[in-house]
Amino acid sequence: MSLSTHHPLLEQHLKLPNLAATERLGQRFALAFTSLYHSGCFSGVRVYLYGELGAGKTALARAMLVALGVNERIRSPTYTLVEHYALELPNPISKTLDTLDIYHFDLYRFTHPMEWTEAGFQEYLAARALCLIEWPERAGDLLGIPDLALMLEIGHKGRRLTAHAFSRTGQTIFAQC
């Protein structure tokens, strides 16, 4: 199941001339995601981050995490493969705090797609969580289709981001970015 065989519901192109532009996009993503989360329609979101080394995948993921309210040190999961963050967010209906699990994956070190299965990561995708996955192509077709696929490319004037939304959830989030 390749992304190239699926037609996105939304495609957008953005220029990210510098780190500040990337951080602003991360902030807009966080606002859109938080709005979706509080709407009661949240069942989990998968965001796949594509791009060569140095394209800004981790910088964008870090900007999203900071804007969502992660206060702890945000480490690149290059060596750990996954970093878990648990955010306490207010539930507007029950007036209590809900826990949002966020999993930030970096699959760069994978040499074979079966490493995804062997690591036991499939259960994370079934969770009611936000999953940010860098280098998703390293897991082959085992990940399935994301809500959002973000491709970062290095250009002579910064970065270029191409976003594809493959679900209504992804479309809703990125349309607000």
Protein backbone atom coordinates (compact mmCIF):
# COMPACT_ATOMS: atom_id res chain seq x y z
CA MET A 1 0.00 0.00 0.00
CA SER A 2 2.01 2.95 -1.30
CA LEU A 3 1.00 6.58 -0.78
CA SER A 4 1.48 7.19 -4.49
CA THR A 5 -1.51 4.95 -5.23
CA HIS A 6 -3.83 6.93 -2.94
CA HIS A 7 -5.31 10.27 -3.87
CA PRO A 8 -5.07 12.92 -1.16
CA LEU A 9 -8.11 14.88 -0.11
CA LEU A 10 -5.94 17.97 0.15
CA GLU A 11 -2.57 19.00 -1.22
CA GLN A 12 -0.82 22.20 -0.20
CA HIS A 13 2.61 23.69 -0.80
CA LEU A 14 4.27 26.05 1.64
CA LYS A 15 7.60 27.84 1.67
CA LEU A 16 9.49 27.76 4.94
CA PRO A 17 12.33 30.24 4.40
CA ASN A 18 13.80 29.85 7.89
CA LEU A 19 13.46 28.16 11.27
CA ALA A 20 11.00 30.83 12.47
CA ALA A 21 8.62 29.93 9.61
CA THR A 22 8.90 26.25 10.54
CA GLU A 23 8.14 27.08 14.17
CA ARG A 24 5.09 29.15 13.14
CA LEU A 25 3.80 26.21 11.11
CA GLY A 26 4.28 23.97 14.15
CA GLN A 27 2.29 26.46 16.25
CA ARG A 28 -0.55 26.54 13.68
CA PHE A 29 -0.56 22.75 13.55
CA ALA A 30 -0.81 22.60 17.35
CA LEU A 31 -3.75 25.03 17.38
CA ALA A 32 -5.58 23.04 14.68
CA PHE A 33 -4.83 19.75 16.39
CA THR A 34 -5.95 21.08 19.79
CA SER A 35 -9.19 22.31 18.24
CA LEU A 36 -9.81 18.84 16.78
CA TYR A 37 -8.91 17.18 20.08
CA HIS A 38 -11.38 19.33 22.01
CA SER A 39 -14.15 18.78 19.44
CA GLY A 40 -14.65 15.25 20.74
CA CYS A 41 -13.93 13.78 17.29
CA PHE A 42 -10.38 12.70 18.11
CA SER A 43 -9.56 9.03 17.64
CA GLY A 44 -5.85 9.35 16.88
CA VAL A 45 -3.76 11.14 14.26
CA ARG A 46 -0.81 9.90 12.22
CA VAL A 47 1.58 12.43 10.70
CA TYR A 48 4.38 11.10 8.50
CA LEU A 49 7.40 13.35 7.99
CA TYR A 50 9.46 12.77 4.84
CA GLY A 51 12.66 14.42 3.68
CA GLU A 52 16.37 13.94 3.41
CA LEU A 53 18.77 14.45 6.31
CA GLY A 54 18.69 18.07 7.41
CA ALA A 55 15.38 18.84 5.68
CA GLY A 56 13.76 19.96 8.95
CA LYS A 57 11.63 16.98 9.98
CA THR A 58 12.78 17.04 13.60
CA ALA A 59 12.63 20.84 13.75
CA LEU A 60 9.00 20.77 12.60
CA ALA A 61 8.10 17.94 15.00
CA ARG A 62 9.83 19.79 17.86
CA ALA A 63 7.93 23.01 17.02
CA MET A 64 4.64 21.07 17.06
CA LEU A 65 5.46 19.47 20.41
CA VAL A 66 6.50 22.75 22.04
CA ALA A 67 3.35 24.47 20.77
CA LEU A 68 1.21 21.60 22.06
CA GLY A 69 2.65 22.21 25.52
CA VAL A 70 5.44 19.67 25.96
CA ASN A 71 7.53 21.30 28.67
CA GLU A 72 10.19 18.66 29.05
CA ARG A 73 13.33 18.42 26.96
CA ILE A 74 12.40 17.29 23.46
CA ARG A 75 14.98 14.86 22.19
CA SER A 76 15.32 13.53 18.70
CA PRO A 77 14.32 9.86 18.77
CA THR A 78 17.13 8.94 16.35
CA TYR A 79 18.73 6.54 18.83
CA THR A 80 15.76 5.64 21.03
CA LEU A 81 13.46 5.16 17.98
CA VAL A 82 10.49 6.59 19.89
CA GLU A 83 9.97 9.31 22.47
CA HIS A 84 6.72 9.35 24.43
CA TYR A 85 5.08 12.48 25.82
CA ALA A 86 1.92 12.51 27.93
CA LEU A 87 0.13 15.85 28.01
CA GLU A 88 -2.63 16.76 30.42
CA LEU A 89 -5.26 18.68 28.46
CA PRO A 90 -8.49 20.11 29.83
CA ASN A 91 -11.66 18.34 28.74
CA PRO A 92 -14.21 21.08 28.05
CA ILE A 93 -17.17 18.73 28.61
CA SER A 94 -16.22 16.96 31.85
CA LYS A 95 -14.09 19.85 33.16
CA THR A 96 -11.38 17.34 34.05
CA LEU A 97 -7.93 16.71 32.61
CA ASP A 98 -7.45 14.15 29.87
CA THR A 99 -4.13 12.58 28.96
CA LEU A 100 -3.03 12.90 25.37
CA ASP A 101 -0.28 10.47 24.41
CA ILE A 102 2.14 11.65 21.75
CA TYR A 103 4.65 9.29 20.16
CA HIS A 104 7.51 10.78 18.14
CA PHE A 105 9.24 8.12 16.05
CA ASP A 106 12.44 8.30 14.02
CA LEU A 107 12.89 5.22 11.85
CA TYR A 108 16.11 6.36 10.15
CA ARG A 109 18.12 3.51 11.67
CA PHE A 110 15.76 0.81 10.38
CA THR A 111 17.35 -1.36 7.72
CA HIS A 112 14.30 -3.54 7.07
CA PRO A 113 10.55 -2.88 7.40
CA MET A 114 10.09 -5.88 9.70
CA GLU A 115 12.01 -3.99 12.39
CA TRP A 116 8.78 -2.00 12.89
CA THR A 117 6.88 -5.16 13.76
CA GLU A 118 9.73 -6.63 15.80
CA ALA A 119 9.91 -3.45 17.89
CA GLY A 120 6.22 -3.84 18.78
CA PHE A 121 5.33 -0.36 17.59
CA GLN A 122 2.11 -1.32 15.77
CA GLU A 123 0.10 -0.98 18.97
CA TYR A 124 1.03 2.71 19.17
CA LEU A 125 -0.77 3.37 15.89
CA ALA A 126 -3.96 1.78 17.22
CA ALA A 127 -3.92 4.02 20.30
CA ARG A 128 -5.90 7.23 20.66
CA ALA A 129 -2.69 9.21 20.25
CA LEU A 130 -0.81 11.66 18.08
CA CYS A 131 1.94 9.80 16.21
CA LEU A 132 4.67 11.83 14.49
CA ILE A 133 6.78 9.49 12.37
CA GLU A 134 10.03 10.57 10.71
CA TRP A 135 11.39 8.35 7.93
CA PRO A 136 8.13 6.34 7.61
CA GLU A 137 9.32 4.82 4.34
CA ARG A 138 11.78 2.70 6.37
CA ALA A 139 8.81 0.67 7.66
CA GLY A 140 7.58 -0.05 4.14
CA ASP A 141 3.83 -0.57 3.86
CA LEU A 142 3.47 -1.70 7.49
CA LEU A 143 2.36 1.73 8.74
CA GLY A 144 -0.67 2.14 6.51
CA ILE A 145 -1.95 5.44 5.20
CA PRO A 146 -1.40 8.52 7.38
CA ASP A 147 -3.82 11.31 8.12
CA LEU A 148 -1.12 13.75 6.97
CA ALA A 149 2.05 13.23 4.96
CA LEU A 150 4.47 16.16 5.14
CA MET A 151 7.38 16.23 2.68
CA LEU A 152 10.17 18.68 3.43
CA GLU A 153 12.67 19.58 0.74
CA ILE A 154 15.77 21.72 1.00
CA GLY A 155 15.83 24.56 -1.51
CA HIS A 156 18.14 27.45 -2.21
CA LYS A 157 15.83 29.78 -0.22
CA GLY A 158 14.96 27.64 2.76
CA ARG A 159 12.61 24.67 2.84
CA ARG A 160 9.57 23.72 0.82
CA LEU A 161 6.80 21.69 2.43
CA THR A 162 4.30 19.64 0.47
CA ALA A 163 1.39 18.43 2.57
CA HIS A 164 -1.01 15.66 1.61
CA ALA A 165 -4.08 14.95 3.73
CA PHE A 166 -5.35 11.40 3.27
CA SER A 167 -8.22 11.55 5.78
CA ARG A 168 -10.90 14.03 6.81
CA THR A 169 -9.00 14.44 10.06
CA GLY A 170 -5.80 15.34 8.23
CA GLN A 171 -7.73 17.64 5.92
CA THR A 172 -9.34 19.42 8.86
CA ILE A 173 -6.02 19.91 10.62
CA PHE A 174 -4.00 21.12 7.67
CA ALA A 175 -6.74 23.32 6.24
CA GLN A 176 -6.42 25.35 9.46
CA CYS A 177 -2.65 25.65 9.12
